[in-house]
Structures are given as structure tokens and as C-alpha cells.
Amino acid sequence: PEDVNVDMEDVMVIDSQATATMARQVGPEEWAQLKAAPAFMHQFRLVMPDVELPDHPLQMHGSGVQHVVGLILLTKLATLIGKRPMWRYPESHLHPRYQLGLADLAIHLSKAKP
């Protein structure tokens, strides 16, 4: 419709390619820090409450885990740089039971302060 105006300059599109790229950039030390951070783990557990995260590099975990980690990190990055995050197909790479947690994560992140 003509009355809908979407300013893409203030939007950061987050898709599965972007989340995979972000996951590849997380080093072992950063991954250990993320797993030790209660705020990050709370967000991760909203989507994957029962997934164990052994002491392996992030890149050795499944694509679903990597996708959720990248989604959280990129959403936080978008807000920190003053962009509105726009998730594209966030359910990709996720088992249907974990797809349900995406809504809880989206609500939580929308209420979080940058």
C-alpha cells in the first residue's frame, strides 16, 4: 500500500546467512564468556531450554544452536548501533519445538534496553 513507509536505512536484516557468519566469528574464549553470562543464557534458554552446551567450540555445535546464538548476538548488535533488527525466516535451522521459543525470545528482546 502507498501509505506504508518502511525506512530500510534504520533496519538491520538478520537472516540465516548472517547468523551463520556471526557464529563462525565467535572464538572459543568469547563462547566461554557467553555461556557464563546469565543474560545471554536466559535468552538462549527461551528458545532451547533443554539443549546441553558442552565445552566445545561453538562451530562444533549444530546449526540450530549456532543460528540461535547468531540471532541473539546480531539483534543485540543492531540495537547497539541504533538499527531496528528485522528477522528473516528465524525459524530456519530449528526443530519445530524450538521454533515456538522464538516468540518468547522476540518479546524478551523487544523489552530489553540496548
N, C-alpha and C. Protein backbone atom coordinates (compact mmCIF):
# COMPACT_ATOMS: atom_id res chain seq x y z
N PRO A 1 0.82 -1.19 0.00
CA PRO A 1 0.00 0.00 0.00
C PRO A 1 0.87 1.26 0.00
N GLU A 2 0.32 2.31 -0.53
CA GLU A 2 1.05 3.56 -0.64
C GLU A 2 1.28 4.23 0.71
N ASP A 3 0.41 3.97 1.68
CA ASP A 3 0.52 4.65 2.97
C ASP A 3 1.52 3.98 3.92
N VAL A 4 2.14 2.88 3.49
CA VAL A 4 3.13 2.20 4.31
C VAL A 4 4.51 2.68 3.92
N ASN A 5 5.22 3.24 4.88
CA ASN A 5 6.56 3.75 4.62
C ASN A 5 7.56 2.99 5.49
N VAL A 6 8.43 2.24 4.87
CA VAL A 6 9.44 1.49 5.60
C VAL A 6 10.79 2.08 5.25
N ASP A 7 11.44 2.66 6.25
CA ASP A 7 12.76 3.23 6.06
C ASP A 7 13.79 2.14 6.31
N MET A 8 14.36 1.61 5.25
CA MET A 8 15.30 0.50 5.38
C MET A 8 16.67 0.94 5.87
N GLU A 9 16.93 2.23 5.89
CA GLU A 9 18.23 2.71 6.37
C GLU A 9 18.43 2.45 7.86
N ASP A 10 17.34 2.39 8.60
CA ASP A 10 17.48 2.15 10.04
C ASP A 10 17.16 0.71 10.42
N VAL A 11 17.19 -0.20 9.44
CA VAL A 11 16.88 -1.60 9.66
C VAL A 11 18.11 -2.46 9.41
N MET A 12 18.33 -3.44 10.27
CA MET A 12 19.37 -4.44 10.06
C MET A 12 18.68 -5.77 9.83
N VAL A 13 18.81 -6.30 8.62
CA VAL A 13 18.18 -7.57 8.27
C VAL A 13 19.05 -8.70 8.81
N ILE A 14 18.42 -9.59 9.56
CA ILE A 14 19.11 -10.73 10.16
C ILE A 14 18.50 -12.00 9.60
N ASP A 15 19.27 -12.70 8.77
CA ASP A 15 18.81 -13.95 8.16
C ASP A 15 19.76 -15.08 8.54
N SER A 16 19.47 -16.28 8.04
CA SER A 16 20.28 -17.43 8.44
C SER A 16 21.72 -17.33 7.95
N GLN A 17 21.95 -16.67 6.84
CA GLN A 17 23.32 -16.48 6.37
C GLN A 17 24.09 -15.57 7.34
N ALA A 18 23.44 -14.52 7.79
CA ALA A 18 24.08 -13.60 8.74
C ALA A 18 24.34 -14.27 10.08
N THR A 19 23.40 -15.09 10.55
CA THR A 19 23.60 -15.76 11.84
C THR A 19 24.73 -16.79 11.74
N ALA A 20 24.83 -17.48 10.60
CA ALA A 20 25.92 -18.45 10.41
C ALA A 20 27.26 -17.73 10.37
N THR A 21 27.31 -16.60 9.69
CA THR A 21 28.55 -15.82 9.63
C THR A 21 28.96 -15.36 11.02
N MET A 22 27.99 -14.88 11.79
CA MET A 22 28.28 -14.42 13.15
C MET A 22 28.79 -15.58 14.00
N ALA A 23 28.16 -16.74 13.90
CA ALA A 23 28.58 -17.90 14.69
C ALA A 23 30.02 -18.31 14.36
N ARG A 24 30.39 -18.22 13.10
CA ARG A 24 31.77 -18.57 12.71
C ARG A 24 32.79 -17.61 13.32
N GLN A 25 32.37 -16.40 13.65
CA GLN A 25 33.28 -15.39 14.17
C GLN A 25 33.46 -15.47 15.69
N VAL A 26 32.65 -16.27 16.35
CA VAL A 26 32.74 -16.38 17.81
C VAL A 26 33.86 -17.36 18.16
N GLY A 27 34.91 -16.83 18.76
CA GLY A 27 36.05 -17.66 19.16
C GLY A 27 35.77 -18.42 20.44
N PRO A 28 36.65 -19.37 20.77
CA PRO A 28 36.46 -20.19 21.98
C PRO A 28 36.35 -19.37 23.27
N GLU A 29 37.16 -18.32 23.40
CA GLU A 29 37.09 -17.51 24.62
C GLU A 29 35.77 -16.75 24.70
N GLU A 30 35.35 -16.21 23.56
CA GLU A 30 34.07 -15.48 23.54
C GLU A 30 32.91 -16.42 23.82
N TRP A 31 32.98 -17.63 23.29
CA TRP A 31 31.92 -18.61 23.50
C TRP A 31 31.85 -18.97 24.99
N ALA A 32 33.00 -19.16 25.62
CA ALA A 32 33.02 -19.45 27.06
C ALA A 32 32.42 -18.29 27.86
N GLN A 33 32.73 -17.06 27.46
CA GLN A 33 32.17 -15.89 28.15
C GLN A 33 30.66 -15.80 27.97
N LEU A 34 30.18 -16.09 26.75
CA LEU A 34 28.74 -16.06 26.52
C LEU A 34 28.03 -17.09 27.38
N LYS A 35 28.57 -18.31 27.43
CA LYS A 35 27.93 -19.36 28.21
C LYS A 35 27.94 -19.05 29.71
N ALA A 36 28.89 -18.21 30.14
CA ALA A 36 28.96 -17.83 31.55
C ALA A 36 28.12 -16.60 31.87
N ALA A 37 27.56 -15.96 30.85
CA ALA A 37 26.77 -14.74 31.05
C ALA A 37 25.30 -15.09 31.28
N PRO A 38 24.78 -14.83 32.48
CA PRO A 38 23.39 -15.19 32.78
C PRO A 38 22.38 -14.58 31.81
N ALA A 39 22.57 -13.33 31.40
CA ALA A 39 21.60 -12.70 30.49
C ALA A 39 21.56 -13.41 29.14
N PHE A 40 22.74 -13.72 28.61
CA PHE A 40 22.78 -14.44 27.33
C PHE A 40 22.14 -15.82 27.47
N MET A 41 22.50 -16.54 28.51
CA MET A 41 21.98 -17.90 28.67
C MET A 41 20.46 -17.88 28.89
N HIS A 42 19.95 -16.87 29.56
CA HIS A 42 18.50 -16.76 29.71
C HIS A 42 17.84 -16.63 28.33
N GLN A 43 18.40 -15.79 27.49
CA GLN A 43 17.86 -15.61 26.14
C GLN A 43 17.96 -16.90 25.33
N PHE A 44 19.10 -17.56 25.41
CA PHE A 44 19.28 -18.83 24.69
C PHE A 44 18.27 -19.86 25.17
N ARG A 45 18.08 -19.94 26.49
CA ARG A 45 17.17 -20.94 27.07
C ARG A 45 15.70 -20.66 26.74
N LEU A 46 15.36 -19.43 26.39
CA LEU A 46 13.99 -19.17 25.95
C LEU A 46 13.66 -19.98 24.71
N VAL A 47 14.65 -20.19 23.86
CA VAL A 47 14.45 -20.94 22.62
C VAL A 47 14.79 -22.41 22.81
N MET A 48 15.89 -22.70 23.44
CA MET A 48 16.38 -24.08 23.57
C MET A 48 16.61 -24.43 25.05
N PRO A 49 15.52 -24.64 25.79
CA PRO A 49 15.65 -24.84 27.24
C PRO A 49 16.37 -26.13 27.64
N ASP A 50 16.38 -27.11 26.78
CA ASP A 50 16.93 -28.41 27.17
C ASP A 50 18.20 -28.80 26.40
N VAL A 51 18.77 -27.91 25.65
CA VAL A 51 19.97 -28.23 24.87
C VAL A 51 21.19 -28.06 25.76
N GLU A 52 22.00 -29.11 25.82
CA GLU A 52 23.24 -29.04 26.58
C GLU A 52 24.32 -28.40 25.73
N LEU A 53 25.16 -27.62 26.36
CA LEU A 53 26.24 -26.93 25.67
C LEU A 53 27.58 -27.37 26.26
N PRO A 54 28.08 -28.53 25.80
CA PRO A 54 29.37 -28.99 26.32
C PRO A 54 30.49 -28.03 25.93
N ASP A 55 31.64 -28.25 26.51
CA ASP A 55 32.78 -27.36 26.27
C ASP A 55 33.43 -27.63 24.92
N HIS A 56 32.68 -27.40 23.87
CA HIS A 56 33.18 -27.48 22.51
C HIS A 56 33.10 -26.08 21.92
N PRO A 57 33.94 -25.79 20.93
CA PRO A 57 33.77 -24.51 20.23
C PRO A 57 32.36 -24.43 19.65
N LEU A 58 31.85 -23.23 19.55
CA LEU A 58 30.50 -23.02 19.02
C LEU A 58 30.33 -23.68 17.65
N GLN A 59 31.37 -23.65 16.84
CA GLN A 59 31.30 -24.19 15.49
C GLN A 59 31.12 -25.70 15.47
N MET A 60 31.33 -26.38 16.59
CA MET A 60 31.12 -27.83 16.67
C MET A 60 29.70 -28.18 17.08
N HIS A 61 28.92 -27.19 17.45
CA HIS A 61 27.52 -27.43 17.80
C HIS A 61 26.69 -27.45 16.52
N GLY A 62 25.47 -27.90 16.61
CA GLY A 62 24.61 -27.98 15.45
C GLY A 62 24.23 -26.62 14.89
N SER A 63 23.70 -26.65 13.68
CA SER A 63 23.34 -25.39 13.02
C SER A 63 22.24 -24.64 13.78
N GLY A 64 21.36 -25.36 14.47
CA GLY A 64 20.31 -24.69 15.24
C GLY A 64 20.88 -23.87 16.38
N VAL A 65 21.81 -24.45 17.12
CA VAL A 65 22.46 -23.72 18.22
C VAL A 65 23.19 -22.50 17.67
N GLN A 66 23.94 -22.70 16.60
CA GLN A 66 24.68 -21.59 16.00
C GLN A 66 23.72 -20.49 15.53
N HIS A 67 22.61 -20.90 14.96
CA HIS A 67 21.62 -19.93 14.46
C HIS A 67 21.06 -19.09 15.60
N VAL A 68 20.68 -19.73 16.69
CA VAL A 68 20.11 -19.00 17.83
C VAL A 68 21.15 -18.06 18.43
N VAL A 69 22.38 -18.52 18.58
CA VAL A 69 23.43 -17.66 19.11
C VAL A 69 23.62 -16.45 18.21
N GLY A 70 23.72 -16.68 16.90
CA GLY A 70 23.89 -15.57 15.96
C GLY A 70 22.70 -14.62 15.98
N LEU A 71 21.50 -15.17 16.11
CA LEU A 71 20.30 -14.33 16.15
C LEU A 71 20.32 -13.41 17.37
N ILE A 72 20.70 -13.95 18.51
CA ILE A 72 20.77 -13.14 19.74
C ILE A 72 21.84 -12.07 19.60
N LEU A 73 23.03 -12.47 19.15
CA LEU A 73 24.14 -11.51 19.06
C LEU A 73 23.87 -10.42 18.04
N LEU A 74 23.32 -10.78 16.89
CA LEU A 74 23.05 -9.77 15.87
C LEU A 74 21.91 -8.84 16.26
N THR A 75 20.93 -9.35 16.97
CA THR A 75 19.83 -8.50 17.43
C THR A 75 20.37 -7.48 18.43
N LYS A 76 21.23 -7.92 19.34
CA LYS A 76 21.84 -7.01 20.30
C LYS A 76 22.71 -5.98 19.58
N LEU A 77 23.49 -6.43 18.60
CA LEU A 77 24.33 -5.52 17.83
C LEU A 77 23.49 -4.46 17.13
N ALA A 78 22.40 -4.88 16.51
CA ALA A 78 21.53 -3.94 15.80
C ALA A 78 21.05 -2.83 16.74
N THR A 79 20.61 -3.21 17.92
CA THR A 79 20.10 -2.20 18.84
C THR A 79 21.21 -1.29 19.34
N LEU A 80 22.40 -1.86 19.53
CA LEU A 80 23.53 -1.05 20.00
C LEU A 80 23.96 0.01 18.97
N ILE A 81 23.81 -0.29 17.69
CA ILE A 81 24.21 0.67 16.65
C ILE A 81 23.03 1.50 16.15
N GLY A 82 21.90 1.40 16.84
CA GLY A 82 20.75 2.24 16.52
C GLY A 82 19.91 1.76 15.34
N LYS A 83 19.98 0.48 15.05
CA LYS A 83 19.18 -0.09 13.96
C LYS A 83 18.04 -0.92 14.55
N ARG A 84 17.00 -1.07 13.77
CA ARG A 84 15.90 -1.95 14.15
C ARG A 84 16.18 -3.32 13.56
N PRO A 85 16.26 -4.37 14.38
CA PRO A 85 16.51 -5.70 13.83
C PRO A 85 15.27 -6.24 13.12
N MET A 86 15.49 -6.81 11.96
CA MET A 86 14.40 -7.46 11.23
C MET A 86 14.82 -8.90 10.95
N TRP A 87 14.16 -9.83 11.62
CA TRP A 87 14.47 -11.24 11.44
C TRP A 87 13.82 -11.74 10.16
N ARG A 88 14.60 -12.41 9.33
CA ARG A 88 14.07 -13.05 8.13
C ARG A 88 14.14 -14.55 8.31
N TYR A 89 13.01 -15.19 8.31
CA TYR A 89 12.91 -16.64 8.47
C TYR A 89 13.71 -17.14 9.68
N PRO A 90 13.41 -16.61 10.86
CA PRO A 90 14.18 -17.00 12.04
C PRO A 90 13.99 -18.47 12.40
N GLU A 91 12.94 -19.09 11.89
CA GLU A 91 12.67 -20.49 12.22
C GLU A 91 13.55 -21.46 11.42
N SER A 92 14.27 -20.95 10.42
CA SER A 92 15.12 -21.84 9.63
C SER A 92 16.20 -22.44 10.53
N HIS A 93 16.54 -23.66 10.27
CA HIS A 93 17.56 -24.41 11.01
C HIS A 93 17.10 -24.85 12.40
N LEU A 94 15.84 -24.63 12.72
CA LEU A 94 15.37 -25.00 14.06
C LEU A 94 14.32 -26.11 13.99
N HIS A 95 14.41 -27.01 14.92
CA HIS A 95 13.40 -28.05 15.10
C HIS A 95 12.10 -27.33 15.47
N PRO A 96 10.96 -27.85 15.01
CA PRO A 96 9.68 -27.17 15.32
C PRO A 96 9.45 -26.88 16.80
N ARG A 97 9.93 -27.74 17.68
CA ARG A 97 9.69 -27.44 19.10
C ARG A 97 10.49 -26.24 19.58
N TYR A 98 11.62 -25.95 18.94
CA TYR A 98 12.40 -24.78 19.30
C TYR A 98 11.90 -23.53 18.59
N GLN A 99 11.20 -23.71 17.50
CA GLN A 99 10.63 -22.56 16.79
C GLN A 99 9.64 -21.83 17.69
N LEU A 100 8.97 -22.55 18.54
CA LEU A 100 8.00 -21.92 19.45
C LEU A 100 8.66 -20.92 20.39
N GLY A 101 9.90 -21.18 20.79
CA GLY A 101 10.60 -20.30 21.70
C GLY A 101 11.03 -18.99 21.07
N LEU A 102 11.00 -18.91 19.74
CA LEU A 102 11.39 -17.66 19.08
C LEU A 102 10.48 -16.50 19.47
N ALA A 103 9.20 -16.78 19.65
CA ALA A 103 8.28 -15.72 20.06
C ALA A 103 8.65 -15.19 21.44
N ASP A 104 8.98 -16.10 22.36
CA ASP A 104 9.40 -15.67 23.70
C ASP A 104 10.68 -14.84 23.62
N LEU A 105 11.62 -15.27 22.77
CA LEU A 105 12.86 -14.52 22.61
C LEU A 105 12.58 -13.14 22.02
N ALA A 106 11.73 -13.08 21.01
CA ALA A 106 11.42 -11.79 20.38
C ALA A 106 10.78 -10.83 21.39
N ILE A 107 9.88 -11.33 22.20
CA ILE A 107 9.22 -10.49 23.22
C ILE A 107 10.26 -10.02 24.23
N HIS A 108 11.09 -10.94 24.69
CA HIS A 108 12.13 -10.57 25.67
C HIS A 108 13.07 -9.51 25.11
N LEU A 109 13.55 -9.73 23.88
CA LEU A 109 14.50 -8.78 23.29
C LEU A 109 13.85 -7.43 22.99
N SER A 110 12.56 -7.43 22.69
CA SER A 110 11.89 -6.16 22.39
C SER A 110 11.74 -5.30 23.65
N LYS A 111 11.75 -5.95 24.81
CA LYS A 111 11.62 -5.21 26.07
C LYS A 111 12.96 -4.82 26.65
N ALA A 112 14.05 -5.43 26.14
CA ALA A 112 15.38 -5.18 26.69
C ALA A 112 15.87 -3.78 26.30
N LYS A 113 16.65 -3.22 27.16
CA LYS A 113 17.26 -1.92 26.87
C LYS A 113 18.58 -2.18 26.15
N PRO A 114 18.94 -1.31 25.19
CA PRO A 114 20.20 -1.53 24.45
C PRO A 114 21.43 -1.47 25.32
